[in-house]
C-alpha atoms as a PDB file:
ATOM      1  CA  MET A   1      36.291  -5.373 -36.279  1.00  0.00           C
ATOM      2  CA  ASP A   2      37.450  -1.741 -36.851  1.00  0.00           C
ATOM      3  CA  VAL A   3      35.481   0.938 -35.376  1.00  0.00           C
ATOM      4  CA  PHE A   4      35.255   4.781 -37.020  1.00  0.00           C
ATOM      5  CA  THR A   5      33.665   7.393 -35.729  1.00  0.00           C
ATOM      6  CA  ASP A   6      32.209  10.739 -37.323  1.00  0.00           C
ATOM      7  CA  ILE A   7      33.910   9.935 -40.633  1.00  0.00           C
ATOM      8  CA  PHE A   8      31.671  12.139 -42.596  1.00  0.00           C
ATOM      9  CA  PHE A   9      33.433  15.395 -41.049  1.00  0.00           C
ATOM     10  CA  ASP A  10      36.797  13.406 -40.983  1.00  0.00           C
ATOM     11  CA  LYS A  11      39.420  14.775 -43.762  1.00  0.00           C
ATOM     12  CA  GLU A  12      42.050  12.156 -42.588  1.00  0.00           C
ATOM     13  CA  PHE A  13      39.742   8.943 -43.199  1.00  0.00           C
ATOM     14  CA  VAL A  14      41.485   7.055 -45.990  1.00  0.00           C
ATOM     15  CA  PRO A  15      38.751   6.024 -48.758  1.00  0.00           C
ATOM     16  CA  ARG A  16      38.157   2.423 -48.798  1.00  0.00           C
ATOM     17  CA  ARG A  17      37.238   0.649 -52.441  1.00  0.00           C
ATOM     18  CA  ASN A  18      34.986  -2.213 -53.362  1.00  0.00           C
ATOM     19  CA  SER A  19      33.141  -2.050 -50.001  1.00  0.00           C
ATOM     20  CA  SER A  20      29.908  -3.759 -49.443  1.00  0.00           C
ATOM     21  CA  VAL A  21      27.995  -1.466 -47.250  1.00  0.00           C
ATOM     22  CA  THR A  22      24.820  -1.452 -45.277  1.00  0.00           C
ATOM     23  CA  ILE A  23      23.140   1.318 -43.381  1.00  0.00           C
ATOM     24  CA  GLY A  24      20.863   1.293 -40.271  1.00  0.00           C
ATOM     25  CA  ASN A  25      20.707   1.822 -36.502  1.00  0.00           C
ATOM     26  CA  PHE A  26      20.899  -1.932 -35.825  1.00  0.00           C
ATOM     27  CA  ASP A  27      19.383  -1.354 -32.346  1.00  0.00           C
ATOM     28  CA  GLY A  28      19.027  -4.779 -30.662  1.00  0.00           C
ATOM     29  CA  CYS A  29      20.437  -6.645 -33.822  1.00  0.00           C
ATOM     30  CA  HIS A  30      17.527  -8.353 -34.450  1.00  0.00           C
ATOM     31  CA  LEU A  31      16.606 -11.235 -36.998  1.00  0.00           C
ATOM     32  CA  GLY A  32      16.126  -8.814 -39.599  1.00  0.00           C
ATOM     33  CA  HIS A  33      19.252  -6.815 -38.751  1.00  0.00           C
ATOM     34  CA  GLN A  34      21.274 -10.063 -39.049  1.00  0.00           C
ATOM     35  CA  ASP A  35      20.034 -10.901 -42.286  1.00  0.00           C
ATOM     36  CA  LEU A  36      21.109  -7.455 -43.621  1.00  0.00           C
ATOM     37  CA  ILE A  37      24.462  -7.494 -41.993  1.00  0.00           C
ATOM     38  CA  CYS A  38      25.165 -11.148 -43.137  1.00  0.00           C
ATOM     39  CA  ARG A  39      24.314 -10.158 -46.634  1.00  0.00           C
ATOM     40  CA  ALA A  40      26.785  -7.482 -46.564  1.00  0.00           C
ATOM     41  CA  ILE A  41      29.506  -9.860 -45.187  1.00  0.00           C
ATOM     42  CA  GLU A  42      28.600 -12.277 -47.907  1.00  0.00           C
ATOM     43  CA  TYR A  43      28.815  -9.695 -50.788  1.00  0.00           C
ATOM     44  CA  ALA A  44      32.293  -8.830 -49.465  1.00  0.00           C
ATOM     45  CA  SER A  45      33.572 -12.154 -48.912  1.00  0.00           C
ATOM     46  CA  SER A  46      32.558 -12.997 -52.515  1.00  0.00           C
ATOM     47  CA  ALA A  47      33.904  -9.987 -54.338  1.00  0.00           C
ATOM     48  CA  PRO A  48      36.656 -10.776 -56.873  1.00  0.00           C
ATOM     49  CA  ASN A  49      38.707  -8.168 -55.358  1.00  0.00           C
ATOM     50  CA  PRO A  50      39.728  -7.345 -51.614  1.00  0.00           C
ATOM     51  CA  SER A  51      36.601  -5.788 -50.132  1.00  0.00           C
ATOM     52  CA  ASP A  52      35.466  -4.852 -46.625  1.00  0.00           C
ATOM     53  CA  SER A  53      31.668  -5.383 -45.246  1.00  0.00           C
ATOM     54  CA  ILE A  54      30.900  -2.016 -43.536  1.00  0.00           C
ATOM     55  CA  ALA A  55      28.037  -0.923 -41.316  1.00  0.00           C
ATOM     56  CA  VAL A  56      27.016   2.506 -40.932  1.00  0.00           C
ATOM     57  CA  SER A  57      25.032   3.276 -37.670  1.00  0.00           C
ATOM     58  CA  PHE A  58      24.294   6.333 -35.696  1.00  0.00           C
ATOM     59  CA  GLU A  59      24.384   7.561 -32.267  1.00  0.00           C
ATOM     60  CA  PRO A  60      21.932   8.525 -31.225  1.00  0.00           C
ATOM     61  CA  SER A  61      19.359   7.630 -33.748  1.00  0.00           C
ATOM     62  CA  ALA A  62      17.576  10.107 -35.535  1.00  0.00           C
ATOM     63  CA  GLU A  63      14.420   9.357 -33.727  1.00  0.00           C
ATOM     64  CA  GLN A  64      15.831  10.289 -30.610  1.00  0.00           C
ATOM     65  CA  TYR A  65      17.627  13.286 -31.963  1.00  0.00           C
ATOM     66  CA  PHE A  66      14.361  14.640 -32.970  1.00  0.00           C
ATOM     67  CA  GLY A  67      12.525  13.549 -29.918  1.00  0.00           C
ATOM     68  CA  GLN A  68      10.618  10.802 -31.453  1.00  0.00           C
ATOM     69  CA  GLN A  69      11.977   8.182 -28.875  1.00  0.00           C
ATOM     70  CA  PRO A  70      12.946   8.778 -25.342  1.00  0.00           C
ATOM     71  CA  THR A  71      16.446   8.595 -24.357  1.00  0.00           C
ATOM     72  CA  GLY A  72      17.411   5.585 -22.687  1.00  0.00           C
ATOM     73  CA  HIS A  73      14.870   3.409 -24.760  1.00  0.00           C
ATOM     74  CA  ASN A  74      17.449   1.659 -26.903  1.00  0.00           C
ATOM     75  CA  LEU A  75      17.533  -2.193 -26.779  1.00  0.00           C
ATOM     76  CA  PHE A  76      21.455  -1.979 -27.057  1.00  0.00           C
ATOM     77  CA  SER A  77      24.080   0.371 -25.498  1.00  0.00           C
ATOM     78  CA  PRO A  78      26.743   1.608 -28.152  1.00  0.00           C
ATOM     79  CA  ASP A  79      29.323  -1.049 -26.568  1.00  0.00           C
ATOM     80  CA  GLN A  80      26.714  -4.006 -26.909  1.00  0.00           C
ATOM     81  CA  LYS A  81      26.036  -2.903 -30.760  1.00  0.00           C
ATOM     82  CA  ARG A  82      29.795  -2.917 -31.251  1.00  0.00           C
ATOM     83  CA  GLN A  83      29.980  -6.308 -29.797  1.00  0.00           C
ATOM     84  CA  ALA A  84      26.950  -7.981 -31.535  1.00  0.00           C
ATOM     85  CA  LEU A  85      28.153  -6.561 -35.007  1.00  0.00           C
ATOM     86  CA  SER A  86      31.633  -7.973 -34.274  1.00  0.00           C
ATOM     87  CA  GLU A  87      30.288 -11.429 -33.316  1.00  0.00           C
ATOM     88  CA  LEU A  88      28.400 -11.469 -36.874  1.00  0.00           C
ATOM     89  CA  GLY A  89      31.929 -11.222 -38.504  1.00  0.00           C
ATOM     90  CA  LEU A  90      31.523  -7.558 -39.736  1.00  0.00           C
ATOM     91  CA  ASP A  91      34.807  -5.929 -40.709  1.00  0.00           C
ATOM     92  CA  ILE A  92      34.066  -2.277 -39.971  1.00  0.00           C
ATOM     93  CA  LEU A  93      31.866  -0.324 -38.062  1.00  0.00           C
ATOM     94  CA  VAL A  94      31.165   3.203 -38.784  1.00  0.00           C
ATOM     95  CA  LEU A  95      29.288   4.834 -35.697  1.00  0.00           C
ATOM     96  CA  GLN A  96      28.387   8.279 -37.055  1.00  0.00           C
ATOM     97  CA  SER A  97      27.273  10.966 -34.498  1.00  0.00           C
ATOM     98  CA  PHE A  98      23.856  12.124 -35.468  1.00  0.00           C
ATOM     99  CA  ASP A  99      23.760  15.903 -34.398  1.00  0.00           C
ATOM    100  CA  ASP A 100      22.967  19.203 -35.792  1.00  0.00           C
ATOM    101  CA  ASN A 101      25.577  19.332 -38.516  1.00  0.00           C
ATOM    102  CA  PHE A 102      24.652  15.809 -39.502  1.00  0.00           C
ATOM    103  CA  SER A 103      20.922  16.379 -39.445  1.00  0.00           C
ATOM    104  CA  LYS A 104      21.502  18.859 -42.356  1.00  0.00           C
ATOM    105  CA  VAL A 105      23.447  16.703 -44.693  1.00  0.00           C
ATOM    106  CA  THR A 106      21.282  16.257 -48.012  1.00  0.00           C
ATOM    107  CA  HIS A 107      20.700  12.741 -49.466  1.00  0.00           C
ATOM    108  CA  GLN A 108      23.080  13.816 -52.444  1.00  0.00           C
ATOM    109  CA  ASP A 109      25.743  14.826 -50.022  1.00  0.00           C
ATOM    110  CA  PHE A 110      25.351  11.462 -48.177  1.00  0.00           C
ATOM    111  CA  PHE A 111      25.428   9.411 -51.276  1.00  0.00           C
ATOM    112  CA  GLU A 112      28.429  11.364 -53.060  1.00  0.00           C
ATOM    113  CA  THR A 113      30.518  12.121 -49.959  1.00  0.00           C
ATOM    114  CA  PHE A 114      29.764   9.349 -47.588  1.00  0.00           C
ATOM    115  CA  LEU A 115      28.778   6.283 -49.705  1.00  0.00           C
ATOM    116  CA  LEU A 116      30.935   6.797 -52.830  1.00  0.00           C
ATOM    117  CA  SER A 117      34.036   8.695 -51.670  1.00  0.00           C
ATOM    118  CA  LYS A 118      34.738   7.866 -48.323  1.00  0.00           C
ATOM    119  CA  LEU A 119      33.520   4.447 -48.005  1.00  0.00           C
ATOM    120  CA  GLY A 120      34.216   3.549 -51.812  1.00  0.00           C
ATOM    121  CA  ALA A 121      30.830   1.409 -51.872  1.00  0.00           C
ATOM    122  CA  LYS A 122      30.623  -1.236 -54.608  1.00  0.00           C
ATOM    123  CA  VAL A 123      27.606  -2.823 -52.937  1.00  0.00           C
ATOM    124  CA  VAL A 124      24.947  -1.122 -50.895  1.00  0.00           C
ATOM    125  CA  SER A 125      22.384  -3.274 -48.819  1.00  0.00           C
ATOM    126  CA  ILE A 126      19.674  -1.645 -47.288  1.00  0.00           C
ATOM    127  CA  GLY A 127      16.323  -2.557 -45.650  1.00  0.00           C
ATOM    128  CA  TYR A 128      12.871  -2.071 -46.987  1.00  0.00           C
ATOM    129  CA  ASP A 129      11.887   0.892 -45.259  1.00  0.00           C
ATOM    130  CA  PHE A 130      15.274   2.961 -45.433  1.00  0.00           C
ATOM    131  CA  LYS A 131      15.304   6.604 -46.149  1.00  0.00           C
ATOM    132  CA  PHE A 132      18.299   9.164 -45.325  1.00  0.00           C
ATOM    133  CA  GLY A 133      19.252  12.551 -45.594  1.00  0.00           C
ATOM    134  CA  HIS A 134      17.987  16.099 -44.580  1.00  0.00           C
ATOM    135  CA  ASN A 135      14.230  15.392 -44.286  1.00  0.00           C
ATOM    136  CA  ARG A 136      14.435  11.896 -45.313  1.00  0.00           C
ATOM    137  CA  GLN A 137      14.385  12.983 -48.801  1.00  0.00           C
ATOM    138  CA  GLY A 138      16.814   9.994 -49.978  1.00  0.00           C
ATOM    139  CA  ASP A 139      14.434   7.003 -50.852  1.00  0.00           C
ATOM    140  CA  PHE A 140      15.094   3.863 -52.717  1.00  0.00           C
ATOM    141  CA  GLU A 141      14.211   5.299 -56.179  1.00  0.00           C
ATOM    142  CA  PHE A 142      17.092   8.015 -55.454  1.00  0.00           C
ATOM    143  CA  LEU A 143      19.513   5.412 -54.551  1.00  0.00           C
ATOM    144  CA  LYS A 144      18.611   3.063 -57.605  1.00  0.00           C
ATOM    145  CA  ARG A 145      19.484   5.952 -59.993  1.00  0.00           C
ATOM    146  CA  SER A 146      22.607   7.044 -58.062  1.00  0.00           C
ATOM    147  CA  CYS A 147      23.911   3.556 -57.647  1.00  0.00           C
ATOM    148  CA  ALA A 148      23.116   2.689 -61.426  1.00  0.00           C
ATOM    149  CA  LYS A 149      25.095   5.759 -62.577  1.00  0.00           C
ATOM    150  CA  ASN A 150      28.244   4.747 -60.510  1.00  0.00           C
ATOM    151  CA  ASN A 151      28.159   0.886 -61.120  1.00  0.00           C
ATOM    152  CA  ILE A 152      27.240   0.200 -57.650  1.00  0.00           C
ATOM    153  CA  VAL A 153      25.104  -3.064 -56.879  1.00  0.00           C
ATOM    154  CA  LEU A 154      21.985  -2.110 -54.778  1.00  0.00           C
ATOM    155  CA  ASN A 155      20.141  -4.636 -52.744  1.00  0.00           C
ATOM    156  CA  GLN A 156      17.016  -3.939 -50.938  1.00  0.00           C
ATOM    157  CA  LEU A 157      15.801  -6.578 -48.584  1.00  0.00           C
ATOM    158  CA  GLN A 158      12.236  -7.456 -47.833  1.00  0.00           C
ATOM    159  CA  PRO A 159      11.079  -7.403 -44.262  1.00  0.00           C
ATOM    160  CA  THR A 160      11.769 -10.060 -42.123  1.00  0.00           C
ATOM    161  CA  MET A 161       8.442 -11.591 -40.923  1.00  0.00           C
ATOM    162  CA  LEU A 162       7.549 -13.725 -37.599  1.00  0.00           C
ATOM    163  CA  ALA A 163       3.982 -14.817 -38.402  1.00  0.00           C
ATOM    164  CA  ASP A 164       2.045 -12.119 -39.618  1.00  0.00           C
ATOM    165  CA  GLU A 165       4.152  -9.427 -38.178  1.00  0.00           C
ATOM    166  CA  ILE A 166       7.342  -7.359 -39.465  1.00  0.00           C
ATOM    167  CA  ILE A 167      10.108  -7.637 -37.435  1.00  0.00           C
ATOM    168  CA  SER A 168      11.611  -4.170 -36.189  1.00  0.00           C
ATOM    169  CA  SER A 169      13.285  -2.599 -33.191  1.00  0.00           C
ATOM    170  CA  SER A 170       9.880  -0.319 -32.666  1.00  0.00           C
ATOM    171  CA  LYS A 171       8.083  -3.669 -32.489  1.00  0.00           C
ATOM    172  CA  ILE A 172      10.494  -5.248 -29.990  1.00  0.00           C
ATOM    173  CA  ARG A 173      10.155  -2.152 -27.814  1.00  0.00           C
ATOM    174  CA  ALA A 174       6.462  -1.912 -28.071  1.00  0.00           C
ATOM    175  CA  HIS A 175       6.392  -5.731 -27.093  1.00  0.00           C
ATOM    176  CA  LEU A 176       8.752  -5.141 -23.978  1.00  0.00           C
ATOM    177  CA  LEU A 177       6.620  -2.111 -22.829  1.00  0.00           C
ATOM    178  CA  ASN A 178       3.461  -4.447 -23.243  1.00  0.00           C
ATOM    179  CA  GLY A 179       5.399  -7.069 -21.178  1.00  0.00           C
ATOM    180  CA  THR A 180       5.035  -9.690 -23.983  1.00  0.00           C
ATOM    181  CA  VAL A 181       8.888 -10.359 -23.521  1.00  0.00           C
ATOM    182  CA  GLU A 182       8.368 -13.855 -25.128  1.00  0.00           C
ATOM    183  CA  LYS A 183       7.449 -11.984 -28.356  1.00  0.00           C
ATOM    184  CA  ALA A 184      10.435  -9.834 -28.181  1.00  0.00           C
ATOM    185  CA  LYS A 185      12.607 -12.851 -27.634  1.00  0.00           C
ATOM    186  CA  ASN A 186      11.315 -14.295 -30.745  1.00  0.00           C
ATOM    187  CA  MET A 187      11.626 -11.414 -32.882  1.00  0.00           C
ATOM    188  CA  LEU A 188      15.598 -10.802 -31.424  1.00  0.00           C
ATOM    189  CA  GLY A 189      16.230 -14.746 -32.060  1.00  0.00           C
ATOM    190  CA  ARG A 190      17.364 -14.859 -28.228  1.00  0.00           C
ATOM    191  CA  HIS A 191      16.410 -13.455 -24.854  1.00  0.00           C
ATOM    192  CA  TYR A 192      16.132  -9.859 -24.318  1.00  0.00           C
ATOM    193  CA  MET A 193      18.748  -8.808 -22.078  1.00  0.00           C
ATOM    194  CA  ILE A 194      19.536  -5.981 -19.695  1.00  0.00           C
ATOM    195  CA  LEU A 195      22.864  -5.181 -18.166  1.00  0.00           C
ATOM    196  CA  GLY A 196      23.254  -3.312 -14.812  1.00  0.00           C
ATOM    197  CA  ARG A 197      25.569  -2.753 -11.806  1.00  0.00           C
ATOM    198  CA  VAL A 198      24.474  -3.947  -8.366  1.00  0.00           C
ATOM    199  CA  GLU A 199      24.008  -1.422  -5.520  1.00  0.00           C
ATOM    200  CA  ARG A 200      23.251  -1.606  -2.015  1.00  0.00           C
ATOM    201  CA  GLY A 201      19.491  -1.423  -1.270  1.00  0.00           C
ATOM    202  CA  SER A 202      17.150  -1.354   1.865  1.00  0.00           C
ATOM    203  CA  GLN A 203      17.734  -5.143   2.184  1.00  0.00           C
ATOM    204  CA  LEU A 204      14.160  -5.494   2.964  1.00  0.00           C
ATOM    205  CA  GLY A 205      14.225  -8.611   0.417  1.00  0.00           C
ATOM    206  CA  ARG A 206      16.709 -10.327   2.625  1.00  0.00           C
ATOM    207  CA  GLN A 207      14.920  -9.533   5.752  1.00  0.00           C
ATOM    208  CA  ILE A 208      11.532 -11.230   4.576  1.00  0.00           C
ATOM    209  CA  GLY A 209      13.500 -14.353   3.019  1.00  0.00           C
ATOM    210  CA  PHE A 210      14.130 -13.295  -0.424  1.00  0.00           C
ATOM    211  CA  PRO A 211      17.509 -11.650  -1.015  1.00  0.00           C
ATOM    212  CA  THR A 212      17.382  -9.001  -4.236  1.00  0.00           C
ATOM    213  CA  ALA A 213      20.185  -7.513  -6.234  1.00  0.00           C
ATOM    214  CA  ASN A 214      19.196  -4.184  -7.160  1.00  0.00           C
ATOM    215  CA  LEU A 215      20.283  -2.999 -10.661  1.00  0.00           C
ATOM    216  CA  HIS A 216      21.381   0.734 -11.448  1.00  0.00           C
ATOM    217  CA  GLU A 217      23.087   2.140 -14.659  1.00  0.00           C
ATOM    218  CA  VAL A 218      21.021   0.408 -16.975  1.00  0.00           C
ATOM    219  CA  ASN A 219      20.804   2.130 -19.918  1.00  0.00           C
ATOM    220  CA  GLN A 220      18.373   0.121 -21.961  1.00  0.00           C
ATOM    221  CA  ILE A 221      14.594   0.073 -22.167  1.00  0.00           C
ATOM    222  CA  MET A 222      12.969  -2.246 -19.560  1.00  0.00           C
ATOM    223  CA  PRO A 223      10.022  -4.195 -19.942  1.00  0.00           C
ATOM    224  CA  SER A 224       6.605  -2.973 -18.471  1.00  0.00           C
ATOM    225  CA  ASN A 225       6.456  -2.964 -14.639  1.00  0.00           C
ATOM    226  CA  GLY A 226       5.757  -6.337 -13.052  1.00  0.00           C
ATOM    227  CA  VAL A 227       7.292  -9.676 -12.120  1.00  0.00           C
ATOM    228  CA  TYR A 228       9.242 -11.661 -14.645  1.00  0.00           C
ATOM    229  CA  CYS A 229      11.077 -14.876 -14.716  1.00  0.00           C
ATOM    230  CA  GLY A 230      14.489 -15.637 -16.551  1.00  0.00           C
ATOM    231  CA  TRP A 231      18.078 -16.251 -16.123  1.00  0.00           C
ATOM    232  CA  VAL A 232      20.971 -14.102 -14.624  1.00  0.00           C
ATOM    233  CA  TYR A 233      24.560 -13.895 -15.670  1.00  0.00           C
ATOM    234  CA  ILE A 234      27.152 -12.583 -13.254  1.00  0.00           C
ATOM    235  CA  GLU A 235      30.045 -10.871 -15.369  1.00  0.00           C
ATOM    236  CA  GLY A 236      33.477 -11.798 -14.219  1.00  0.00           C
ATOM    237  CA  LYS A 237      32.562 -15.135 -12.409  1.00  0.00           C
ATOM    238  CA  SER A 238      33.420 -17.507 -15.131  1.00  0.00           C
ATOM    239  CA  GLY A 239      36.417 -15.445 -16.395  1.00  0.00           C
ATOM    240  CA  GLN A 240      35.021 -15.479 -19.947  1.00  0.00           C
ATOM    241  CA  THR A 241      33.830 -13.013 -22.237  1.00  0.00           C
ATOM    242  CA  CYS A 242      29.867 -13.310 -22.641  1.00  0.00           C
ATOM    243  CA  ALA A 243      28.571 -13.213 -26.074  1.00  0.00           C
ATOM    244  CA  ILE A 244      25.799 -10.668 -26.744  1.00  0.00           C
ATOM    245  CA  LEU A 245      23.924 -12.721 -29.576  1.00  0.00           C
ATOM    246  CA  LYS A 246      23.169 -15.657 -27.553  1.00  0.00           C
ATOM    247  CA  THR A 247      22.025 -16.592 -23.986  1.00  0.00           C
ATOM    248  CA  PRO A 248      25.138 -18.193 -22.127  1.00  0.00           C
ATOM    249  CA  LYS A 249      24.931 -21.484 -20.181  1.00  0.00           C
ATOM    250  CA  GLU A 250      26.597 -20.169 -17.061  1.00  0.00           C
ATOM    251  CA  THR A 251      23.248 -18.491 -15.836  1.00  0.00           C
ATOM    252  CA  PHE A 252      21.403 -18.765 -12.670  1.00  0.00           C
ATOM    253  CA  PRO A 253      17.296 -18.920 -12.810  1.00  0.00           C
ATOM    254  CA  ALA A 254      15.799 -16.006 -11.092  1.00  0.00           C
ATOM    255  CA  ILE A 255      12.817 -13.773 -10.761  1.00  0.00           C
ATOM    256  CA  PHE A 256      12.672 -10.009 -11.525  1.00  0.00           C
ATOM    257  CA  ASN A 257      10.556  -7.113 -10.115  1.00  0.00           C
ATOM    258  CA  ILE A 258      10.630  -4.042 -12.206  1.00  0.00           C
ATOM    259  CA  GLY A 259       8.761  -1.188 -10.963  1.00  0.00           C
ATOM    260  CA  LEU A 260       8.436   1.470  -8.245  1.00  0.00           C
ATOM    261  CA  ARG A 261       7.872  -1.108  -5.191  1.00  0.00           C
ATOM    262  CA  PRO A 262       4.632   0.462  -4.205  1.00  0.00           C
ATOM    263  CA  THR A 263       4.142  -2.020  -1.113  1.00  0.00           C
ATOM    264  CA  ILE A 264       7.359  -0.624   0.678  1.00  0.00           C
ATOM    265  CA  SER A 265       8.171   2.797  -0.973  1.00  0.00           C
ATOM    266  CA  SER A 266       5.666   5.786  -1.806  1.00  0.00           C
ATOM    267  CA  ASN A 267       8.363   7.952  -3.005  1.00  0.00           C
ATOM    268  CA  ALA A 268       9.695   5.954  -5.980  1.00  0.00           C
ATOM    269  CA  GLN A 269       9.495   7.989  -9.398  1.00  0.00           C
ATOM    270  CA  HIS A 270      11.491   5.726 -11.719  1.00  0.00           C
ATOM    271  CA  PRO A 271      11.201   1.928 -12.057  1.00  0.00           C
ATOM    272  CA  LYS A 272      14.112  -0.034 -10.965  1.00  0.00           C
ATOM    273  CA  CYS A 273      15.137  -3.736 -11.643  1.00  0.00           C
ATOM    274  CA  GLU A 274      15.180  -6.103  -8.616  1.00  0.00           C
ATOM    275  CA  VAL A 275      16.672  -9.620  -9.203  1.00  0.00           C
ATOM    276  CA  HIS A 276      16.107 -12.654  -6.806  1.00  0.00           C
ATOM    277  CA  ILE A 277      18.339 -15.700  -7.893  1.00  0.00           C
ATOM    278  CA  LEU A 278      16.712 -18.750  -7.114  1.00  0.00           C
ATOM    279  CA  ASP A 279      18.338 -21.426  -4.541  1.00  0.00           C
ATOM    280  CA  GLN A 280      21.440 -19.125  -4.090  1.00  0.00           C
ATOM    281  CA  ASP A 281      22.463 -16.401  -1.551  1.00  0.00           C
ATOM    282  CA  PHE A 282      25.584 -14.587  -2.532  1.00  0.00           C
ATOM    283  CA  GLY A 283      25.392 -12.271   0.377  1.00  0.00           C
ATOM    284  CA  ASP A 284      27.309  -9.082  -0.226  1.00  0.00           C
ATOM    285  CA  ASN A 285      29.635 -10.734  -2.795  1.00  0.00           C
ATOM    286  CA  LEU A 286      27.472  -9.208  -5.643  1.00  0.00           C
ATOM    287  CA  TYR A 287      27.871  -5.287  -4.906  1.00  0.00           C
ATOM    288  CA  GLY A 288      29.417  -3.488  -7.407  1.00  0.00           C
ATOM    289  CA  LYS A 289      29.182  -6.384 -10.097  1.00  0.00           C
ATOM    290  CA  GLN A 290      27.322  -6.226 -13.408  1.00  0.00           C
ATOM    291  CA  LEU A 291      24.642  -8.530 -14.047  1.00  0.00           C
ATOM    292  CA  ARG A 292      23.048  -9.591 -17.144  1.00  0.00           C
ATOM    293  CA  VAL A 293      19.230 -10.075 -16.983  1.00  0.00           C
ATOM    294  CA  TYR A 294      17.625 -12.408 -19.420  1.00  0.00           C
ATOM    295  CA  PHE A 295      13.920 -12.361 -19.734  1.00  0.00           C
ATOM    296  CA  GLU A 296      11.845 -15.559 -20.188  1.00  0.00           C
ATOM    297  CA  ALA A 297       8.354 -14.691 -19.315  1.00  0.00           C
ATOM    298  CA  LYS A 298       5.984 -12.278 -17.457  1.00  0.00           C
ATOM    299  CA  ILE A 299       4.413 -13.635 -14.250  1.00  0.00           C
ATOM    300  CA  ARG A 300       2.364 -10.888 -13.245  1.00  0.00           C
ATOM    301  CA  ASP A 301       1.636  -7.055 -13.052  1.00  0.00           C
ATOM    302  CA  GLU A 302       3.276  -5.117 -10.211  1.00  0.00           C
ATOM    303  CA  VAL A 303       0.651  -4.997  -7.083  1.00  0.00           C
ATOM    304  CA  LYS A 304       0.406  -2.868  -4.009  1.00  0.00           C
ATOM    305  CA  PHE A 305      -0.128  -5.268  -1.219  1.00  0.00           C
ATOM    306  CA  PRO A 306      -1.724  -4.077   2.184  1.00  0.00           C
ATOM    307  CA  LYS A 307       1.063  -5.999   4.117  1.00  0.00           C
ATOM    308  CA  ILE A 308       4.642  -7.034   3.986  1.00  0.00           C
ATOM    309  CA  GLU A 309       3.284 -10.527   4.712  1.00  0.00           C
ATOM    310  CA  ALA A 310       0.990 -10.571   1.776  1.00  0.00           C
ATOM    311  CA  LEU A 311       3.996  -9.508  -0.595  1.00  0.00           C
ATOM    312  CA  LYS A 312       5.918 -12.298   1.082  1.00  0.00           C
ATOM    313  CA  LYS A 313       3.164 -14.735   0.093  1.00  0.00           C
ATOM    314  CA  ALA A 314       3.059 -13.387  -3.426  1.00  0.00           C
ATOM    315  CA  ILE A 315       6.741 -13.783  -4.077  1.00  0.00           C
ATOM    316  CA  GLU A 316       6.448 -17.574  -2.994  1.00  0.00           C
ATOM    317  CA  LYS A 317       3.841 -18.148  -5.724  1.00  0.00           C
ATOM    318  CA  ASP A 318       5.827 -15.994  -8.099  1.00  0.00           C
ATOM    319  CA  ILE A 319       8.694 -18.311  -7.423  1.00  0.00           C
ATOM    320  CA  VAL A 320       6.307 -21.640  -7.866  1.00  0.00           C
ATOM    321  CA  LYS A 321       5.432 -20.070 -11.368  1.00  0.00           C
ATOM    322  CA  ALA A 322       8.822 -19.494 -12.319  1.00  0.00           C
ATOM    323  CA  ARG A 323       9.935 -22.892 -11.782  1.00  0.00           C
ATOM    324  CA  LYS A 324       7.181 -24.312 -14.094  1.00  0.00           C
ATOM    325  CA  LEU A 325       7.978 -21.661 -16.590  1.00  0.00           C
ATOM    326  CA  LEU A 326      11.830 -22.200 -16.650  1.00  0.00           C
ATOM    327  CA  GLU A 327      11.169 -25.950 -16.231  1.00  0.00           C
ATOM    328  CA  ILE A 328      13.633 -26.276 -13.309  1.00  0.00           C
END
């Protein structure tokens, strides 16, 4: 998959013709996103003339740029988004910077300069709630008129539903912040995963018999504070590149604590993720490695215990529950 950046203001970008284009943030690449991307790929592959499937996305998102979504509350890092779209079979990803200049681009300019001239769109596929351009003035009716005038096929997909709930990135974030990681998993079509690097901690877990790997450099939204169970993939251990859109087989069962560790720390201000891999002790071999943490279910809320011994007994109960939930 080819990746281009900031092509709206790039005069050297070579216009492409007969393109099948879709537009969105694609954060998390959930089941609705996958449907949209796959439709764009299908139109490109069935075109009578050579055609590229193109996805246009933005970094940061408009919501983050305008302060409507906190920084770091993405389901994906930019690299994870690139990999996921590549796994789906997309030909080209355009990753456009959303900055002050781009925020002032009108919907007319977006269509004429971006979609028509630079991307050579022949088919445009959008989601049910798509709006674009300065002050979000570009809507489906504008696109419908503009596409008809330029002999462009326009497809608006209906929302992808799960039971009676529309699948969306904002809904998935809300489920994560509520600790309902199972619902997030169902909307994503896979376990929610965060990626972080192991740093050296206080090693209290090792002292009480439950060694933990402490993650930092996590640039994604984390579920609400509490204890979870799931799976851990150690990058580099298997020697293979790990896919984004499915949970790998080479994982270890684990429990995770997300929070401020109130029993042992009174100064923590930002939640961290601590990982205890069941039935394994890697010693110091995990320091500096990247772990992928896959969430299966929440076990309990974070609790401040009166003594370390009470914390130890709670962890023992957490492990018993985790084994039942993970069926191990």
